[in-house]
Amino acid sequence: MTHTTTDQPDRRTSGAVVPVLAFAGIVVAVMQTLLVPVIKDLPQLLDTAPSNATWVLTSTLLSGAVATPIMGRLGDLYGKRRMLILSLAVMVVGALVSALTSQLLLMIVGRTLQGFAMGAIPLGIGLMRDMLPREKLGSAMALMSSSIGVGGGLALPAAALVAQHADWHALFYGAAGLGVLSIALTLLVVPESPMRAEGSFDLLGAIGLSTGLVLLLLPITKGSDWGWSSGTTLGLFAAAVVVLLLWGVLELRIAAPLVDLRTTARREVLLTNLASIMVGVSFYVVSLVLPQLLQLPRATGYGLGQSMVVAGLCVAPLGLTMMFTAPVYARLSARYGPKTTLILGMLIIAIGYGGGLGLMDAAWQTIVTSVVLGAGIGLAYSSLPALIVGAVPASETGAANGLNTLMRSIGTSVSSAVIGMVLANTANHVGGLAIPTMHGFHVSFLIATAAVAVGLLLALFLPRQARPAQQVQLRASSEEEANLAHAREALRGFRGRVLGADGLPVARAKVTLIDRRGRQAGATVSAEDGTYALAVPAQGPYVLAAKASGHGPLASSATHAGDDRAVLLDLALPGETVSA
């Protein structure tokens, strides 16, 4: 069984925590995007065949997919700030390795190390949940979740400018510098999370998940080169299914799994993750299509003849709009809930792609498309962590958001493979060069629209959530009394007082809410007068466990029936049953 400790943090949370964590997410996005301007030149730059050069991109994708859920779980166990710094440090080392070489093998090693930075996104979201007051949490998580798009949108023109006027290795030096700056800011500003999950790291589960993901993503990313019906592609897909099924059986049988599949199978978590795949598909389509359309020569009859830098600037509003959407999301989500904002975001994405089919004749039209899609993707991306956080215990925030980030990555991987295949199969071949056609661009936008439609259908089946204020579980911090007041005012759950053997109130006693499956459903600490309050995720039977230094532990069972229930926890007693 997994518990959460809630030790007091050493200092109050600084107002700079959110921008510093969001900056870390932007740095990760920059790392992913920095090679986009030189993709077509990689075979020449690395003196290798085009099929080999693609490993420079594939290696980052694979390592990021593997690292994201693993770093999330390690963060839950050993500290999210610590793992965030480790992720960024590995990225810096990888960037420096890539900066110092033009050999394919070393470049792949460097890019593999850079992929570990993908864990920064779920770790940042977990830190925000653990430290921020509820009134700031919505917009903060929205900004963190959208940072991957913000960084990608802003980095594209900057990387194009560097690639045009400097040696391409400067891109990696720049990424390393941003990583060092992010580490320094994190050390100075971000405190460690007080939340901890007890137990040990599931090494066998990590190996199984890593193997399964590699076997799954490898044929997705390389299928167009190997052939989708080739023995290698089909064999890897079959092996992935077998390994992931065996991994699932293992995870269900151990006490502290890498991924709690029972929690993942909950309708709200499962549908959110599936919708995340569809959002990832739709996000990557615009990133693949518009830069190519903008840079194709006008002699094709449909190309817009823009430079690499101008093409990047035209797509940059996608990321900027995602960033400015975060506060809008916070207002909408506070009023209507993250399910509604996810549905609204997907509707806007569908409008963007539908309208974009007729907005491909001028550079300014691509800017309009980027802005509309940025608003929709920003709302959708911002809603995903809120839906996950509202559905899982605090002790599983890092791992759960890591899995959700992985689902988005799978979506972008599928999008890259499918859209790449569509553009290749519809291309015109002139002088040995494959030139994408307008038909291919239109089909790509239609595929994105179809993905959004599937995601919208999934979102409609998400269960109706309580108002956002009712979803927040109390956490231990320097503001226990303020949190208790919030709970009394807005939350429905268990409340009461912790008493010692002398009958006096016990301050700072750890009170844990455990559901009927033995999983933690909430945690807090008692205030100076011994009072506590805990929200409940659903009606039903629970166990309230209290523990304080110098007192014996107590476990009391109680059933929540939809209203506030007063449960007195007396540490002088061995335990009692409370009917409620």
Protein backbone atom coordinates (compact mmCIF):
# COMPACT_ATOMS: atom_id res chain seq x y z
CA MET A 1 0.00 0.00 0.00
CA THR A 2 1.29 3.47 -0.85
CA HIS A 3 1.18 6.25 1.72
CA THR A 4 2.13 9.86 1.57
CA THR A 5 4.13 11.70 4.14
CA THR A 6 3.52 15.38 4.51
CA ASP A 7 6.48 16.86 6.25
CA GLN A 8 6.55 20.56 6.75
CA PRO A 9 8.41 22.45 4.03
CA ASP A 10 11.21 24.66 5.21
CA ARG A 11 9.99 27.88 3.61
CA ARG A 12 6.99 29.47 2.02
CA THR A 13 6.49 29.00 -1.66
CA SER A 14 7.91 31.87 -3.68
CA GLY A 15 5.82 33.57 -6.32
CA ALA A 16 8.60 32.76 -8.79
CA VAL A 17 8.04 29.00 -8.54
CA VAL A 18 5.49 28.86 -11.34
CA PRO A 19 7.52 30.79 -13.96
CA VAL A 20 10.67 28.85 -13.04
CA LEU A 21 8.94 25.49 -13.47
CA ALA A 22 7.27 26.66 -16.68
CA PHE A 23 10.68 27.78 -17.94
CA ALA A 24 11.96 24.24 -17.33
CA GLY A 25 9.13 22.94 -19.52
CA ILE A 26 10.00 25.45 -22.23
CA VAL A 27 13.64 24.34 -22.11
CA VAL A 28 12.50 20.75 -22.70
CA ALA A 29 10.47 21.86 -25.70
CA VAL A 30 13.43 23.78 -27.09
CA MET A 31 15.52 20.62 -26.82
CA GLN A 32 12.94 18.74 -28.89
CA THR A 33 12.58 21.45 -31.54
CA LEU A 34 16.12 22.67 -32.07
CA LEU A 35 16.93 20.21 -34.89
CA VAL A 36 13.78 20.87 -36.93
CA PRO A 37 15.46 23.54 -39.14
CA VAL A 38 18.30 21.15 -40.10
CA ILE A 39 16.39 17.85 -40.39
CA LYS A 40 16.77 17.67 -44.17
CA ASP A 41 20.52 18.40 -43.91
CA LEU A 42 21.31 15.82 -41.21
CA PRO A 43 22.51 13.07 -43.61
CA GLN A 44 25.08 15.46 -45.10
CA LEU A 45 26.05 16.99 -41.74
CA LEU A 46 26.62 13.56 -40.18
CA ASP A 47 28.00 11.95 -43.34
CA THR A 48 25.50 9.10 -43.25
CA ALA A 49 22.48 7.71 -45.07
CA PRO A 50 19.07 9.37 -44.53
CA SER A 51 17.71 6.21 -42.88
CA ASN A 52 20.55 6.33 -40.33
CA ALA A 53 20.18 10.07 -39.71
CA THR A 54 16.59 9.60 -38.55
CA TRP A 55 17.95 7.82 -35.46
CA VAL A 56 19.05 11.23 -34.19
CA LEU A 57 15.35 12.09 -33.79
CA THR A 58 14.08 8.59 -32.96
CA SER A 59 16.55 8.14 -30.08
CA THR A 60 15.26 11.26 -28.32
CA LEU A 61 11.67 10.14 -28.73
CA LEU A 62 12.37 6.67 -27.32
CA SER A 63 14.38 7.84 -24.32
CA GLY A 64 11.80 10.52 -23.52
CA ALA A 65 9.00 7.98 -23.63
CA VAL A 66 10.89 5.65 -21.31
CA ALA A 67 12.07 8.36 -18.90
CA THR A 68 8.75 10.17 -18.44
CA PRO A 69 6.82 7.61 -16.32
CA ILE A 70 9.98 6.40 -14.58
CA MET A 71 11.10 9.88 -13.49
CA GLY A 72 7.55 10.63 -12.37
CA ARG A 73 7.55 7.61 -10.07
CA LEU A 74 11.05 8.38 -8.79
CA GLY A 75 9.86 11.90 -8.04
CA ASP A 76 6.94 10.54 -5.99
CA LEU A 77 9.37 8.37 -4.01
CA TYR A 78 12.48 10.52 -3.57
CA GLY A 79 11.48 14.10 -4.32
CA LYS A 80 10.13 15.77 -7.44
CA ARG A 81 12.54 18.72 -7.30
CA ARG A 82 15.50 16.35 -7.03
CA MET A 83 14.37 14.34 -10.05
CA LEU A 84 13.61 17.53 -12.01
CA ILE A 85 17.17 18.73 -11.49
CA LEU A 86 18.53 15.30 -12.41
CA SER A 87 16.47 15.26 -15.64
CA LEU A 88 17.77 18.68 -16.65
CA ALA A 89 21.35 17.74 -15.73
CA VAL A 90 21.24 14.64 -17.95
CA MET A 91 19.86 16.83 -20.75
CA VAL A 92 22.76 19.28 -20.37
CA VAL A 93 25.30 16.45 -20.57
CA GLY A 94 23.58 15.11 -23.67
CA ALA A 95 23.52 18.55 -25.31
CA LEU A 96 27.25 19.00 -24.70
CA VAL A 97 27.99 15.54 -26.13
CA SER A 98 26.05 16.46 -29.29
CA ALA A 99 27.70 19.88 -29.48
CA LEU A 100 31.17 18.36 -29.55
CA THR A 101 30.68 15.75 -32.28
CA SER A 102 29.66 15.23 -35.89
CA GLN A 103 29.80 11.42 -35.64
CA LEU A 104 26.48 9.63 -35.91
CA LEU A 105 26.93 7.24 -32.98
CA LEU A 106 27.98 9.93 -30.50
CA MET A 107 25.22 12.21 -31.76
CA ILE A 108 22.66 9.47 -31.08
CA VAL A 109 24.10 9.00 -27.57
CA GLY A 110 23.82 12.74 -26.91
CA ARG A 111 20.28 12.95 -28.22
CA THR A 112 19.28 9.90 -26.16
CA LEU A 113 20.49 11.64 -23.01
CA GLN A 114 18.60 14.80 -23.98
CA GLY A 115 15.36 12.82 -24.14
CA PHE A 116 15.48 12.29 -20.37
CA ALA A 117 14.43 15.91 -19.94
CA MET A 118 10.87 14.97 -20.93
CA GLY A 119 10.27 13.98 -17.31
CA ALA A 120 10.41 17.66 -16.33
CA ILE A 121 6.81 18.28 -17.41
CA PRO A 122 5.03 15.81 -15.06
CA LEU A 123 7.51 16.56 -12.27
CA GLY A 124 6.75 20.27 -12.55
CA ILE A 125 3.01 19.62 -12.47
CA GLY A 126 3.47 17.41 -9.40
CA LEU A 127 5.46 20.12 -7.62
CA MET A 128 2.75 22.64 -8.35
CA ARG A 129 0.04 20.39 -6.94
CA ASP A 130 2.03 19.76 -3.78
CA MET A 131 2.92 23.39 -3.04
CA LEU A 132 0.47 25.85 -4.52
CA PRO A 133 -2.81 27.05 -3.01
CA ARG A 134 -5.88 25.99 -4.90
CA GLU A 135 -6.63 29.45 -6.31
CA LYS A 136 -3.30 29.45 -8.16
CA LEU A 137 -3.10 25.79 -9.09
CA GLY A 138 -5.33 25.83 -12.17
CA SER A 139 -3.50 28.50 -14.15
CA ALA A 140 -0.10 27.19 -12.99
CA MET A 141 -0.72 23.63 -14.19
CA ALA A 142 -2.18 25.01 -17.41
CA LEU A 143 0.99 26.99 -18.10
CA MET A 144 3.19 24.01 -17.25
CA SER A 145 1.21 21.67 -19.44
CA SER A 146 1.25 24.14 -22.34
CA SER A 147 4.97 24.87 -22.01
CA ILE A 148 5.82 22.06 -24.42
CA GLY A 149 3.93 23.89 -27.15
CA VAL A 150 5.11 27.32 -26.04
CA GLY A 151 8.76 26.30 -26.16
CA GLY A 152 8.34 24.55 -29.49
CA GLY A 153 6.64 27.56 -31.07
CA LEU A 154 9.20 30.07 -29.81
CA ALA A 155 12.24 27.86 -30.46
CA LEU A 156 11.47 27.18 -34.10
CA PRO A 157 12.29 30.68 -35.48
CA ALA A 158 15.21 31.06 -33.05
CA ALA A 159 16.69 27.71 -34.08
CA ALA A 160 16.15 28.58 -37.75
CA LEU A 161 18.00 31.88 -37.29
CA VAL A 162 20.94 30.15 -35.61
CA ALA A 163 21.03 27.41 -38.26
CA GLN A 164 21.13 29.99 -41.05
CA HIS A 165 23.88 32.20 -39.61
CA ALA A 166 26.04 29.96 -37.40
CA ASP A 167 27.46 26.46 -37.14
CA TRP A 168 24.67 24.02 -36.39
CA HIS A 169 26.45 22.79 -33.25
CA ALA A 170 25.60 26.17 -31.70
CA LEU A 171 22.06 24.85 -31.31
CA PHE A 172 23.26 22.32 -28.75
CA TYR A 173 25.42 24.84 -26.89
CA GLY A 174 22.34 27.04 -26.61
CA ALA A 175 20.23 24.15 -25.29
CA ALA A 176 22.93 23.30 -22.73
CA GLY A 177 23.06 26.93 -21.59
CA LEU A 178 19.29 27.05 -21.13
CA GLY A 179 19.45 23.79 -19.18
CA VAL A 180 22.12 25.15 -16.82
CA LEU A 181 20.07 28.32 -16.29
CA SER A 182 16.97 26.25 -15.53
CA ILE A 183 18.87 24.13 -13.00
CA ALA A 184 20.22 27.23 -11.27
CA LEU A 185 16.79 28.86 -11.06
CA THR A 186 15.25 25.64 -9.73
CA LEU A 187 17.91 25.36 -7.02
CA LEU A 188 17.40 28.99 -5.99
CA VAL A 189 13.61 29.27 -6.14
CA VAL A 190 11.83 25.90 -6.03
CA PRO A 191 11.61 24.11 -2.66
CA GLU A 192 11.39 20.36 -2.45
CA SER A 193 7.90 18.90 -2.27
CA PRO A 194 6.85 17.67 1.18
CA MET A 195 4.88 14.80 -0.39
CA ARG A 196 6.43 11.34 -0.49
CA ALA A 197 5.18 7.93 -1.51
CA GLU A 198 6.47 5.14 0.70
CA GLY A 199 7.81 1.93 -0.76
CA SER A 200 10.61 0.94 -3.12
CA PHE A 201 11.17 1.58 -6.79
CA ASP A 202 9.74 -1.11 -9.07
CA LEU A 203 12.89 -1.89 -11.07
CA LEU A 204 11.44 -4.92 -12.83
CA GLY A 205 8.36 -2.92 -13.78
CA ALA A 206 10.55 -0.12 -15.13
CA ILE A 207 12.50 -2.58 -17.28
CA GLY A 208 9.29 -4.16 -18.56
CA LEU A 209 7.66 -0.83 -19.41
CA SER A 210 10.82 0.48 -21.07
CA THR A 211 11.14 -2.66 -23.20
CA GLY A 212 7.48 -2.56 -24.18
CA LEU A 213 7.59 1.12 -25.12
CA VAL A 214 10.70 0.71 -27.24
CA LEU A 215 9.16 -2.28 -29.03
CA LEU A 216 5.98 -0.25 -29.65
CA LEU A 217 7.42 3.12 -30.66
CA LEU A 218 10.28 1.80 -32.75
CA PRO A 219 8.09 0.36 -35.53
CA ILE A 220 5.78 3.40 -35.31
CA THR A 221 8.66 5.78 -36.02
CA LYS A 222 10.58 3.54 -38.46
CA GLY A 223 7.69 1.74 -40.14
CA SER A 224 7.77 3.97 -43.21
CA ASP A 225 11.45 3.11 -43.74
CA TRP A 226 11.13 -0.60 -43.02
CA GLY A 227 7.71 -1.09 -44.62
CA TRP A 228 4.53 -1.38 -42.60
CA SER A 229 3.98 -4.99 -43.66
CA SER A 230 7.60 -6.07 -43.22
CA GLY A 231 8.48 -8.87 -40.84
CA THR A 232 10.53 -6.52 -38.66
CA THR A 233 7.69 -4.03 -38.19
CA LEU A 234 5.00 -6.65 -37.53
CA GLY A 235 7.32 -8.68 -35.32
CA LEU A 236 8.13 -5.68 -33.13
CA PHE A 237 4.44 -4.79 -32.79
CA ALA A 238 3.64 -8.35 -31.76
CA ALA A 239 6.52 -8.40 -29.26
CA ALA A 240 5.32 -5.08 -27.81
CA VAL A 241 1.86 -6.52 -27.18
CA VAL A 242 3.29 -9.57 -25.43
CA VAL A 243 5.74 -7.62 -23.27
CA LEU A 244 3.20 -4.96 -22.24
CA LEU A 245 0.62 -7.63 -21.33
CA LEU A 246 3.17 -9.46 -19.16
CA TRP A 247 4.21 -6.14 -17.64
CA GLY A 248 0.56 -5.39 -16.81
CA VAL A 249 0.14 -8.74 -15.05
CA LEU A 250 3.29 -8.01 -13.01
CA GLU A 251 2.13 -4.52 -12.04
CA LEU A 252 -1.21 -5.83 -10.80
CA ARG A 253 0.49 -8.34 -8.50
CA ILE A 254 3.01 -6.17 -6.66
CA ALA A 255 2.33 -3.87 -3.72
CA ALA A 256 4.12 -0.76 -4.99
CA PRO A 257 3.97 -0.81 -8.81
CA LEU A 258 5.65 1.64 -11.14
CA VAL A 259 2.19 2.46 -12.56
CA ASP A 260 -0.96 1.77 -10.56
CA LEU A 261 -2.99 0.13 -13.32
CA ARG A 262 -6.09 -0.01 -11.15
CA THR A 263 -6.02 3.75 -10.85
CA THR A 264 -5.18 4.07 -14.54
CA ALA A 265 -8.20 1.92 -15.40
CA ARG A 266 -10.60 4.33 -13.70
CA ARG A 267 -12.90 5.81 -16.29
CA GLU A 268 -11.78 9.41 -15.73
CA VAL A 269 -8.07 8.51 -15.94
CA LEU A 270 -8.39 6.07 -18.86
CA LEU A 271 -10.52 8.37 -21.01
CA THR A 272 -8.28 11.36 -20.23
CA ASN A 273 -5.20 9.43 -21.33
CA LEU A 274 -6.88 8.23 -24.53
CA ALA A 275 -8.02 11.79 -25.28
CA SER A 276 -4.42 12.92 -24.68
CA ILE A 277 -3.27 10.70 -27.53
CA MET A 278 -5.75 12.39 -29.87
CA VAL A 279 -4.68 15.88 -28.74
CA GLY A 280 -1.04 14.88 -29.33
CA VAL A 281 -1.91 13.75 -32.86
CA SER A 282 -3.66 17.03 -33.67
CA PHE A 283 -0.88 19.16 -32.16
CA TYR A 284 1.88 17.64 -34.25
CA VAL A 285 0.06 17.83 -37.59
CA VAL A 286 0.22 21.63 -37.74
CA SER A 287 3.91 21.52 -36.75
CA LEU A 288 4.63 19.20 -39.68
CA VAL A 289 2.45 20.80 -42.37
CA LEU A 290 2.67 24.58 -42.05
CA PRO A 291 6.50 24.93 -42.06
CA GLN A 292 6.71 22.84 -45.24
CA LEU A 293 3.91 24.76 -46.94
CA LEU A 294 5.54 28.07 -46.07
CA GLN A 295 8.99 27.08 -47.35
CA LEU A 296 7.95 25.42 -50.61
CA PRO A 297 8.87 27.62 -53.61
CA ARG A 298 6.10 29.59 -55.30
CA ALA A 299 6.96 27.81 -58.56
CA THR A 300 5.02 24.79 -57.26
CA GLY A 301 1.82 26.82 -57.62
CA TYR A 302 0.86 26.48 -53.97
CA GLY A 303 4.10 26.97 -51.99
CA LEU A 304 4.44 30.30 -50.17
CA GLY A 305 8.18 30.77 -50.83
CA GLN A 306 9.19 31.95 -47.35
CA SER A 307 12.57 31.58 -45.70
CA MET A 308 13.20 29.20 -42.84
CA VAL A 309 13.15 32.04 -40.31
CA VAL A 310 9.93 33.59 -41.65
CA ALA A 311 8.29 30.16 -41.64
CA GLY A 312 9.24 29.79 -37.99
CA LEU A 313 7.83 33.22 -37.17
CA CYS A 314 4.54 32.36 -38.88
CA VAL A 315 4.18 29.22 -36.77
CA ALA A 316 5.38 30.89 -33.53
CA PRO A 317 1.88 32.26 -32.69
CA LEU A 318 0.86 28.66 -32.04
CA GLY A 319 3.06 28.57 -28.93
CA LEU A 320 2.39 32.18 -27.91
CA THR A 321 -1.36 31.64 -28.00
CA MET A 322 -0.99 28.49 -25.91
CA MET A 323 0.88 30.53 -23.28
CA PHE A 324 -1.72 33.30 -23.18
CA THR A 325 -4.50 30.73 -23.00
CA ALA A 326 -3.38 29.52 -19.55
CA PRO A 327 -5.08 32.31 -17.50
CA VAL A 328 -8.19 32.04 -19.69
CA TYR A 329 -8.30 28.31 -18.99
CA ALA A 330 -8.03 28.97 -15.23
CA ARG A 331 -11.12 31.18 -15.30
CA LEU A 332 -13.14 28.80 -17.46
CA SER A 333 -12.11 25.74 -15.48
CA ALA A 334 -12.91 27.40 -12.16
CA ARG A 335 -16.41 28.12 -13.42
CA TYR A 336 -17.22 25.08 -15.54
CA GLY A 337 -14.60 22.43 -14.73
CA PRO A 338 -11.71 20.90 -16.75
CA LYS A 339 -14.00 18.50 -18.64
CA THR A 340 -15.84 21.43 -20.20
CA THR A 341 -12.62 23.24 -21.09
CA LEU A 342 -11.24 20.07 -22.70
CA ILE A 343 -14.37 19.77 -24.84
CA LEU A 344 -14.22 23.47 -25.72
CA GLY A 345 -10.54 23.18 -26.63
CA MET A 346 -11.18 20.26 -28.95
CA LEU A 347 -14.04 22.09 -30.64
CA ILE A 348 -11.73 25.04 -31.30
CA ILE A 349 -9.04 22.71 -32.69
CA ALA A 350 -11.62 21.20 -35.04
CA ILE A 351 -12.63 24.70 -36.18
CA GLY A 352 -8.97 25.58 -36.70
CA TYR A 353 -8.25 22.59 -38.91
CA GLY A 354 -11.55 22.89 -40.74
CA GLY A 355 -10.95 26.55 -41.48
CA GLY A 356 -7.30 25.85 -42.21
CA LEU A 357 -8.28 23.75 -45.21
CA GLY A 358 -9.20 27.01 -46.95
CA LEU A 359 -6.45 29.17 -45.42
CA MET A 360 -3.33 27.99 -47.24
CA ASP A 361 -2.93 30.69 -49.89
CA ALA A 362 -0.90 33.32 -47.99
CA ALA A 363 1.49 33.57 -45.05
CA TRP A 364 -0.95 35.66 -43.01
CA GLN A 365 -3.53 32.91 -43.35
CA THR A 366 -1.18 30.40 -41.76
CA ILE A 367 -0.77 32.82 -38.85
CA VAL A 368 -4.56 32.88 -38.38
CA THR A 369 -4.63 29.09 -38.41
CA SER A 370 -1.77 28.96 -35.88
CA VAL A 371 -3.56 31.35 -33.51
CA VAL A 372 -6.85 29.43 -33.59
CA LEU A 373 -5.14 26.06 -33.18
CA GLY A 374 -2.94 27.46 -30.40
CA ALA A 375 -6.02 28.56 -28.46
CA GLY A 376 -7.68 25.16 -28.83
CA ILE A 377 -4.58 23.10 -28.10
CA GLY A 378 -3.77 25.38 -25.15
CA LEU A 379 -7.18 24.78 -23.58
CA ALA A 380 -6.99 21.04 -24.23
CA TYR A 381 -3.44 20.63 -22.93
CA SER A 382 -4.25 22.74 -19.86
CA SER A 383 -7.24 20.57 -19.00
CA LEU A 384 -5.39 17.24 -19.07
CA PRO A 385 -3.28 17.56 -15.88
CA ALA A 386 -6.24 18.99 -13.96
CA LEU A 387 -8.34 15.96 -14.91
CA ILE A 388 -5.52 13.60 -13.88
CA VAL A 389 -4.77 15.42 -10.61
CA GLY A 390 -8.46 15.38 -9.70
CA ALA A 391 -8.66 11.62 -10.19
CA VAL A 392 -5.54 10.24 -8.45
CA PRO A 393 -4.14 10.39 -4.90
CA ALA A 394 -1.47 12.97 -4.17
CA SER A 395 1.13 10.22 -3.75
CA GLU A 396 0.68 9.21 -7.40
CA THR A 397 0.71 12.66 -9.01
CA GLY A 398 4.17 12.38 -10.56
CA ALA A 399 3.67 8.89 -11.98
CA ALA A 400 0.13 9.62 -13.20
CA ASN A 401 1.11 12.83 -14.97
CA GLY A 402 4.18 11.07 -16.34
CA LEU A 403 1.92 8.47 -17.91
CA ASN A 404 -0.34 11.20 -19.29
CA THR A 405 2.65 12.99 -20.81
CA LEU A 406 3.68 9.65 -22.32
CA MET A 407 0.24 9.36 -23.93
CA ARG A 408 0.75 12.75 -25.59
CA SER A 409 4.16 11.60 -26.82
CA ILE A 410 2.61 8.47 -28.30
CA GLY A 411 0.11 10.73 -30.05
CA THR A 412 2.83 12.87 -31.58
CA SER A 413 4.75 9.74 -32.61
CA VAL A 414 1.71 8.29 -34.34
CA SER A 415 1.05 11.67 -35.96
CA SER A 416 4.62 11.92 -37.23
CA ALA A 417 4.50 8.42 -38.73
CA VAL A 418 1.05 8.75 -40.31
CA ILE A 419 1.48 12.29 -41.67
CA GLY A 420 4.97 11.45 -42.92
CA MET A 421 3.55 8.47 -44.78
CA VAL A 422 0.68 10.56 -46.23
CA LEU A 423 2.97 13.33 -47.45
CA ALA A 424 5.41 10.81 -48.92
CA ASN A 425 2.72 8.85 -50.75
CA THR A 426 1.09 11.98 -52.19
CA ALA A 427 4.33 13.76 -53.11
CA ASN A 428 5.41 14.70 -56.63
CA HIS A 429 8.87 13.46 -57.61
CA VAL A 430 10.87 16.04 -59.56
CA GLY A 431 14.54 15.50 -60.31
CA GLY A 432 14.81 12.85 -57.62
CA LEU A 433 13.22 15.11 -54.98
CA ALA A 434 9.90 14.37 -53.29
CA ILE A 435 7.82 17.56 -53.14
CA PRO A 436 4.75 17.52 -50.86
CA THR A 437 1.49 18.36 -52.58
CA MET A 438 -1.50 20.45 -51.53
CA HIS A 439 -3.55 17.25 -51.61
CA GLY A 440 -1.22 15.76 -49.00
CA PHE A 441 -1.58 18.85 -46.81
CA HIS A 442 -5.37 18.70 -47.05
CA VAL A 443 -5.44 14.99 -46.16
CA SER A 444 -3.17 15.71 -43.18
CA PHE A 445 -5.56 18.38 -41.87
CA LEU A 446 -8.48 15.99 -42.32
CA ILE A 447 -6.64 13.33 -40.31
CA ALA A 448 -6.08 15.86 -37.53
CA THR A 449 -9.78 16.77 -37.60
CA ALA A 450 -10.73 13.09 -37.35
CA ALA A 451 -8.37 12.63 -34.37
CA VAL A 452 -9.96 15.60 -32.62
CA ALA A 453 -13.42 14.16 -33.28
CA VAL A 454 -12.40 10.90 -31.59
CA GLY A 455 -10.90 12.85 -28.68
CA LEU A 456 -14.08 14.91 -28.38
CA LEU A 457 -16.18 11.74 -28.20
CA LEU A 458 -13.93 10.38 -25.44
CA ALA A 459 -14.15 13.65 -23.52
CA LEU A 460 -17.95 13.60 -23.65
CA PHE A 461 -17.92 10.29 -21.75
CA LEU A 462 -15.74 11.64 -18.94
CA PRO A 463 -17.67 11.60 -15.64
CA ARG A 464 -18.99 14.90 -14.39
CA GLN A 465 -16.60 16.23 -11.79
CA ALA A 466 -17.30 18.18 -8.67
CA ARG A 467 -16.60 21.86 -8.75
CA PRO A 468 -12.82 22.45 -8.85
CA ALA A 469 -12.76 23.74 -5.27
CA GLN A 470 -14.16 20.41 -4.12
CA GLN A 471 -11.43 18.39 -5.83
CA VAL A 472 -8.46 19.72 -3.91
CA GLN A 473 -7.06 17.52 -1.18
CA LEU A 474 -5.40 19.27 1.72
CA ARG A 475 -1.64 19.20 1.96
CA ALA A 476 0.78 19.88 4.79
CA SER A 477 2.58 23.19 4.50
CA SER A 478 3.21 26.34 6.46
CA GLU A 479 -0.43 27.23 5.80
CA GLU A 480 -2.25 24.35 7.53
CA GLU A 481 -4.69 26.66 9.28
CA ALA A 482 -5.57 28.47 6.05
CA ASN A 483 -6.06 25.15 4.30
CA LEU A 484 -8.29 23.96 7.12
CA ALA A 485 -10.42 27.06 6.75
CA HIS A 486 -10.71 26.44 3.01
CA ALA A 487 -11.73 22.85 3.66
CA ARG A 488 -14.40 23.79 6.14
CA GLU A 489 -15.80 26.32 3.74
CA ALA A 490 -15.72 24.44 0.46
CA LEU A 491 -15.05 20.71 0.94
CA ARG A 492 -17.34 17.87 1.85
CA GLY A 493 -15.67 15.03 3.64
CA PHE A 494 -14.44 14.16 7.14
CA ARG A 495 -13.58 16.72 9.76
CA GLY A 496 -12.83 16.47 13.44
CA ARG A 497 -10.13 16.77 16.07
CA VAL A 498 -7.13 14.67 17.07
CA LEU A 499 -6.78 14.18 20.85
CA GLY A 500 -3.90 12.76 22.85
CA ALA A 501 -3.89 10.43 25.86
CA ASP A 502 -4.32 13.43 28.16
CA GLY A 503 -7.42 14.51 26.26
CA LEU A 504 -5.68 17.57 24.88
CA PRO A 505 -5.61 18.45 21.14
CA VAL A 506 -2.62 17.14 19.18
CA ALA A 507 -1.12 19.60 16.67
CA ARG A 508 0.57 18.47 13.45
CA ALA A 509 -0.67 14.90 13.66
CA LYS A 510 -0.65 13.20 10.29
CA VAL A 511 -4.17 12.20 9.25
CA THR A 512 -4.48 9.86 6.27
CA LEU A 513 -7.65 8.85 4.42
CA ILE A 514 -7.55 5.28 3.04
CA ASP A 515 -10.17 3.89 0.67
CA ARG A 516 -11.65 0.39 0.67
CA ARG A 517 -8.92 -0.89 -1.69
CA GLY A 518 -6.21 0.10 0.75
CA ARG A 519 -5.05 3.11 -1.28
CA GLN A 520 -4.49 6.59 0.07
CA ALA A 521 -7.32 8.92 -0.91
CA GLY A 522 -6.11 12.03 0.90
CA ALA A 523 -3.80 13.32 3.63
CA THR A 524 -3.38 16.36 5.84
CA VAL A 525 -2.02 17.39 9.25
CA SER A 526 -3.99 18.68 12.19
CA ALA A 527 -3.92 22.38 13.02
CA GLU A 528 -2.65 23.89 16.26
CA ASP A 529 -5.99 23.18 17.96
CA GLY A 530 -5.97 19.55 16.75
CA THR A 531 -8.67 20.05 14.13
CA TYR A 532 -8.43 18.54 10.65
CA ALA A 533 -10.52 18.32 7.49
CA LEU A 534 -10.25 15.92 4.55
CA ALA A 535 -12.13 15.90 1.28
CA VAL A 536 -13.38 12.59 -0.12
CA PRO A 537 -13.27 11.68 -3.82
CA ALA A 538 -16.52 9.68 -3.62
CA GLN A 539 -19.06 8.32 -1.19
CA GLY A 540 -18.29 5.03 0.52
CA PRO A 541 -16.31 3.39 3.33
CA TYR A 542 -12.93 4.79 4.39
CA VAL A 543 -10.36 4.38 7.14
CA LEU A 544 -8.99 7.46 8.87
CA ALA A 545 -5.48 6.88 10.25
CA ALA A 546 -3.84 9.37 12.62
CA LYS A 547 -0.25 9.37 13.80
CA ALA A 548 1.76 11.85 15.87
CA SER A 549 5.15 11.85 17.53
CA GLY A 550 4.91 10.49 21.08
CA HIS A 551 1.46 8.96 20.55
CA GLY A 552 0.24 5.57 19.46
CA PRO A 553 -1.32 5.25 16.01
CA LEU A 554 -5.08 5.13 15.57
CA ALA A 555 -7.26 3.83 12.74
CA SER A 556 -10.99 4.59 12.66
CA SER A 557 -13.39 3.41 9.97
CA ALA A 558 -16.10 5.71 8.66
CA THR A 559 -18.53 5.80 5.77
CA HIS A 560 -19.07 9.00 3.81
CA ALA A 561 -22.65 9.60 2.67
CA GLY A 562 -22.28 12.87 0.80
CA ASP A 563 -22.12 15.39 3.64
CA ASP A 564 -19.65 16.53 6.30
CA ARG A 565 -18.98 13.88 8.91
CA ALA A 566 -17.37 14.67 12.26
CA VAL A 567 -14.93 11.95 13.33
CA LEU A 568 -13.04 12.33 16.60
CA LEU A 569 -9.61 10.69 16.50
CA ASP A 570 -8.44 9.88 20.02
CA LEU A 571 -4.83 8.73 20.05
CA ALA A 572 -5.34 7.36 23.59
CA LEU A 573 -7.50 4.58 22.15
CA PRO A 574 -6.32 1.58 20.10
CA GLY A 575 -8.94 2.26 17.46
CA GLU A 576 -12.68 2.48 17.13
CA THR A 577 -15.42 2.15 14.55
CA VAL A 578 -17.41 5.25 13.76
CA SER A 579 -20.74 4.94 12.01
CA ALA A 580 -21.47 7.90 9.80
